[in-house]
Amino acid sequence: ETEKRKAFEARIIDEAKPGEQQSETDHNLKSENSNSGDFHNRKWRDATGWFSYELKVRKDKPATLVCAYWGGDSGRREFDILVNGEKIAAQKLNHNKPGEFFEVQYSIPENLTKNNEKVTIKFQAFPESIAGGLFGIMTLKKE
């Protein structure tokens, strides 16, 4: 387990902590109709509109986006995840892992990291829905 965690940590390029003021400032948080708070000793962010962060990537290399969610979230929690304006995934939170936090990995295509040191990750709520809650976000070197 320790070796597995060390290998994972060695892949981290950048990490933002939703709901934490300094981290959000450092990662150029932008938002519309967004909220943040605390739950189970962790901070989160969500939005009925959208929110975005800038995270570092490696030029000319594909990357992986990792997002942490609460497995008990439900209701109208459906949203698109965009990188530099291009949709890479749609996510629905509906009791995915009741009682625990979980992470989802999304591939960021190389054409979106090419010649970029940073990318903008945007969480856009579906109409009448909520984007998030997002409890963590990071970019990783692709395995």
C-alpha atoms as a PDB file:
ATOM      1  CA  GLU A   1       0.000   0.000   0.000  1.00  0.00           C
ATOM      2  CA  THR A   2       2.794   2.432   0.942  1.00  0.00           C
ATOM      3  CA  GLU A   3       4.666   1.737  -2.296  1.00  0.00           C
ATOM      4  CA  LYS A   4       1.468   2.144  -4.308  1.00  0.00           C
ATOM      5  CA  ARG A   5       0.784   5.517  -2.646  1.00  0.00           C
ATOM      6  CA  LYS A   6       4.373   6.698  -3.253  1.00  0.00           C
ATOM      7  CA  ALA A   7       4.109   5.757  -6.941  1.00  0.00           C
ATOM      8  CA  PHE A   8       0.806   7.662  -7.190  1.00  0.00           C
ATOM      9  CA  GLU A   9       2.255  10.743  -5.457  1.00  0.00           C
ATOM     10  CA  ALA A  10       5.233  10.728  -7.840  1.00  0.00           C
ATOM     11  CA  ARG A  11       2.760  11.171 -10.726  1.00  0.00           C
ATOM     12  CA  ILE A  12       1.159  14.351  -9.284  1.00  0.00           C
ATOM     13  CA  ILE A  13       1.797  17.428 -11.427  1.00  0.00           C
ATOM     14  CA  ASP A  14      -0.519  19.860  -9.622  1.00  0.00           C
ATOM     15  CA  GLU A  15      -3.257  19.806  -7.004  1.00  0.00           C
ATOM     16  CA  ALA A  16      -5.954  22.303  -5.979  1.00  0.00           C
ATOM     17  CA  LYS A  17      -7.973  22.108  -2.788  1.00  0.00           C
ATOM     18  CA  PRO A  18     -11.579  23.212  -3.393  1.00  0.00           C
ATOM     19  CA  GLY A  19     -12.965  25.543  -0.733  1.00  0.00           C
ATOM     20  CA  GLU A  20      -9.512  26.504   0.587  1.00  0.00           C
ATOM     21  CA  GLN A  21      -8.950  30.196  -0.093  1.00  0.00           C
ATOM     22  CA  GLN A  22      -5.183  30.146  -0.709  1.00  0.00           C
ATOM     23  CA  SER A  23      -5.306  27.079  -2.955  1.00  0.00           C
ATOM     24  CA  GLU A  24      -8.229  28.495  -4.932  1.00  0.00           C
ATOM     25  CA  THR A  25      -6.420  31.839  -5.365  1.00  0.00           C
ATOM     26  CA  ASP A  26      -3.228  30.045  -6.436  1.00  0.00           C
ATOM     27  CA  HIS A  27      -5.223  28.068  -9.026  1.00  0.00           C
ATOM     28  CA  ASN A  28      -7.126  31.090 -10.379  1.00  0.00           C
ATOM     29  CA  LEU A  29     -10.631  30.047  -9.291  1.00  0.00           C
ATOM     30  CA  LYS A  30     -13.365  31.572 -11.420  1.00  0.00           C
ATOM     31  CA  SER A  31     -17.043  30.846 -10.824  1.00  0.00           C
ATOM     32  CA  GLU A  32     -20.672  31.731 -11.338  1.00  0.00           C
ATOM     33  CA  ASN A  33     -23.340  30.763  -8.770  1.00  0.00           C
ATOM     34  CA  SER A  34     -20.869  28.701  -6.754  1.00  0.00           C
ATOM     35  CA  ASN A  35     -20.657  27.740  -3.075  1.00  0.00           C
ATOM     36  CA  SER A  36     -18.124  26.107  -0.784  1.00  0.00           C
ATOM     37  CA  GLY A  37     -18.225  24.569   2.671  1.00  0.00           C
ATOM     38  CA  ASP A  38     -17.051  21.789   4.976  1.00  0.00           C
ATOM     39  CA  PHE A  39     -18.199  18.172   5.176  1.00  0.00           C
ATOM     40  CA  HIS A  40     -16.528  15.307   7.099  1.00  0.00           C
ATOM     41  CA  ASN A  41     -13.493  17.515   7.829  1.00  0.00           C
ATOM     42  CA  ARG A  42     -12.976  18.230   4.124  1.00  0.00           C
ATOM     43  CA  LYS A  43     -13.742  21.346   2.119  1.00  0.00           C
ATOM     44  CA  TRP A  44     -15.788  21.284  -1.085  1.00  0.00           C
ATOM     45  CA  ARG A  45     -17.048  23.470  -3.920  1.00  0.00           C
ATOM     46  CA  ASP A  46     -20.159  23.151  -6.078  1.00  0.00           C
ATOM     47  CA  ALA A  47     -22.196  25.380  -8.405  1.00  0.00           C
ATOM     48  CA  THR A  48     -25.583  25.724 -10.034  1.00  0.00           C
ATOM     49  CA  GLY A  49     -23.627  27.573 -12.710  1.00  0.00           C
ATOM     50  CA  TRP A  50     -19.952  26.695 -13.083  1.00  0.00           C
ATOM     51  CA  PHE A  51     -16.502  26.970 -11.550  1.00  0.00           C
ATOM     52  CA  SER A  52     -13.005  26.487 -12.908  1.00  0.00           C
ATOM     53  CA  TYR A  53      -9.390  26.115 -11.835  1.00  0.00           C
ATOM     54  CA  GLU A  54      -6.090  26.389 -13.672  1.00  0.00           C
ATOM     55  CA  LEU A  55      -3.833  23.393 -13.103  1.00  0.00           C
ATOM     56  CA  LYS A  56      -0.340  22.709 -14.360  1.00  0.00           C
ATOM     57  CA  VAL A  57       0.325  20.030 -16.970  1.00  0.00           C
ATOM     58  CA  ARG A  58       3.433  18.892 -18.826  1.00  0.00           C
ATOM     59  CA  LYS A  59       3.848  20.327 -22.311  1.00  0.00           C
ATOM     60  CA  ASP A  60       3.386  17.826 -25.123  1.00  0.00           C
ATOM     61  CA  LYS A  61       2.375  15.015 -22.759  1.00  0.00           C
ATOM     62  CA  PRO A  62      -1.111  13.638 -22.120  1.00  0.00           C
ATOM     63  CA  ALA A  63      -2.306  13.921 -18.529  1.00  0.00           C
ATOM     64  CA  THR A  64      -4.899  12.445 -16.212  1.00  0.00           C
ATOM     65  CA  LEU A  65      -7.371  14.542 -14.234  1.00  0.00           C
ATOM     66  CA  VAL A  66      -8.397  13.133 -10.840  1.00  0.00           C
ATOM     67  CA  CYS A  67     -11.473  14.461  -9.036  1.00  0.00           C
ATOM     68  CA  ALA A  68     -12.657  13.513  -5.548  1.00  0.00           C
ATOM     69  CA  TYR A  69     -16.361  13.361  -4.715  1.00  0.00           C
ATOM     70  CA  TRP A  70     -18.566  12.308  -1.789  1.00  0.00           C
ATOM     71  CA  GLY A  71     -20.188   8.967  -2.588  1.00  0.00           C
ATOM     72  CA  GLY A  72     -23.439   9.890  -0.828  1.00  0.00           C
ATOM     73  CA  ASP A  73     -24.172  12.941  -2.977  1.00  0.00           C
ATOM     74  CA  SER A  74     -27.386  12.577  -4.939  1.00  0.00           C
ATOM     75  CA  GLY A  75     -30.206  14.513  -6.511  1.00  0.00           C
ATOM     76  CA  ARG A  76     -29.604  16.699  -9.493  1.00  0.00           C
ATOM     77  CA  ARG A  77     -25.826  16.556  -9.500  1.00  0.00           C
ATOM     78  CA  GLU A  78     -24.982  16.281 -13.184  1.00  0.00           C
ATOM     79  CA  PHE A  79     -22.289  18.270 -14.911  1.00  0.00           C
ATOM     80  CA  ASP A  80     -19.804  18.445 -17.746  1.00  0.00           C
ATOM     81  CA  ILE A  81     -16.062  18.612 -17.206  1.00  0.00           C
ATOM     82  CA  LEU A  82     -14.263  20.757 -19.768  1.00  0.00           C
ATOM     83  CA  VAL A  83     -10.556  21.271 -20.363  1.00  0.00           C
ATOM     84  CA  ASN A  84      -9.676  24.492 -22.179  1.00  0.00           C
ATOM     85  CA  GLY A  85     -13.307  24.678 -23.303  1.00  0.00           C
ATOM     86  CA  GLU A  86     -13.478  21.120 -24.686  1.00  0.00           C
ATOM     87  CA  LYS A  87     -15.732  18.576 -22.974  1.00  0.00           C
ATOM     88  CA  ILE A  88     -13.804  15.538 -21.748  1.00  0.00           C
ATOM     89  CA  ALA A  89     -16.517  13.957 -19.571  1.00  0.00           C
ATOM     90  CA  ALA A  90     -19.998  14.158 -18.105  1.00  0.00           C
ATOM     91  CA  GLN A  91     -20.358  13.160 -14.457  1.00  0.00           C
ATOM     92  CA  LYS A  92     -23.439  12.219 -12.438  1.00  0.00           C
ATOM     93  CA  LEU A  93     -23.292  11.936  -8.661  1.00  0.00           C
ATOM     94  CA  ASN A  94     -26.060   9.670  -7.394  1.00  0.00           C
ATOM     95  CA  HIS A  95     -25.051   7.530  -4.407  1.00  0.00           C
ATOM     96  CA  ASN A  96     -21.984   6.309  -6.330  1.00  0.00           C
ATOM     97  CA  LYS A  97     -20.235   5.053  -3.153  1.00  0.00           C
ATOM     98  CA  PRO A  98     -22.475   5.684  -0.118  1.00  0.00           C
ATOM     99  CA  GLY A  99     -20.605   6.618   3.038  1.00  0.00           C
ATOM    100  CA  GLU A 100     -17.185   7.224   1.500  1.00  0.00           C
ATOM    101  CA  PHE A 101     -15.197   9.587  -0.671  1.00  0.00           C
ATOM    102  CA  PHE A 102     -14.175   8.310  -4.088  1.00  0.00           C
ATOM    103  CA  GLU A 103     -12.007   9.463  -6.978  1.00  0.00           C
ATOM    104  CA  VAL A 104     -12.649   9.407 -10.700  1.00  0.00           C
ATOM    105  CA  GLN A 105      -9.872   9.620 -13.273  1.00  0.00           C
ATOM    106  CA  TYR A 106     -10.424  11.303 -16.628  1.00  0.00           C
ATOM    107  CA  SER A 107      -7.955  11.315 -19.521  1.00  0.00           C
ATOM    108  CA  ILE A 108      -6.912  14.724 -20.789  1.00  0.00           C
ATOM    109  CA  PRO A 109      -6.103  14.343 -24.489  1.00  0.00           C
ATOM    110  CA  GLU A 110      -2.608  15.366 -25.545  1.00  0.00           C
ATOM    111  CA  ASN A 111      -3.964  17.985 -27.973  1.00  0.00           C
ATOM    112  CA  LEU A 112      -5.284  19.905 -24.925  1.00  0.00           C
ATOM    113  CA  THR A 113      -1.937  19.882 -23.110  1.00  0.00           C
ATOM    114  CA  LYS A 114       0.222  20.468 -26.200  1.00  0.00           C
ATOM    115  CA  ASN A 115       2.345  23.603 -25.781  1.00  0.00           C
ATOM    116  CA  ASN A 116       0.543  24.471 -22.532  1.00  0.00           C
ATOM    117  CA  GLU A 117       2.003  24.698 -19.055  1.00  0.00           C
ATOM    118  CA  LYS A 118      -1.502  25.013 -17.563  1.00  0.00           C
ATOM    119  CA  VAL A 119      -5.036  24.026 -18.514  1.00  0.00           C
ATOM    120  CA  THR A 120      -8.371  25.403 -17.343  1.00  0.00           C
ATOM    121  CA  ILE A 121     -10.619  22.730 -15.823  1.00  0.00           C
ATOM    122  CA  LYS A 122     -14.264  23.817 -15.790  1.00  0.00           C
ATOM    123  CA  PHE A 123     -17.192  22.146 -14.027  1.00  0.00           C
ATOM    124  CA  GLN A 124     -20.419  23.199 -15.768  1.00  0.00           C
ATOM    125  CA  ALA A 125     -23.765  22.215 -14.232  1.00  0.00           C
ATOM    126  CA  PHE A 126     -26.469  20.773 -16.469  1.00  0.00           C
ATOM    127  CA  PRO A 127     -29.647  22.923 -16.546  1.00  0.00           C
ATOM    128  CA  GLU A 128     -31.477  22.755 -13.187  1.00  0.00           C
ATOM    129  CA  SER A 129     -28.549  20.760 -11.740  1.00  0.00           C
ATOM    130  CA  ILE A 130     -25.482  21.189  -9.536  1.00  0.00           C
ATOM    131  CA  ALA A 131     -21.831  20.747 -10.534  1.00  0.00           C
ATOM    132  CA  GLY A 132     -20.028  18.985  -7.690  1.00  0.00           C
ATOM    133  CA  GLY A 133     -19.484  18.800  -4.801  1.00  0.00           C
ATOM    134  CA  LEU A 134     -15.858  18.598  -5.662  1.00  0.00           C
ATOM    135  CA  PHE A 135     -13.600  17.667  -2.732  1.00  0.00           C
ATOM    136  CA  GLY A 136     -10.263  17.489  -4.554  1.00  0.00           C
ATOM    137  CA  ILE A 137      -8.722  17.952  -7.979  1.00  0.00           C
ATOM    138  CA  MET A 138      -5.295  17.131  -9.381  1.00  0.00           C
ATOM    139  CA  THR A 139      -3.458  16.543 -12.612  1.00  0.00           C
ATOM    140  CA  LEU A 140      -1.223  13.491 -12.948  1.00  0.00           C
ATOM    141  CA  LYS A 141       1.404  12.290 -15.378  1.00  0.00           C
ATOM    142  CA  LYS A 142      -0.289   9.639 -17.491  1.00  0.00           C
ATOM    143  CA  GLU A 143       0.752   6.084 -16.555  1.00  0.00           C
END
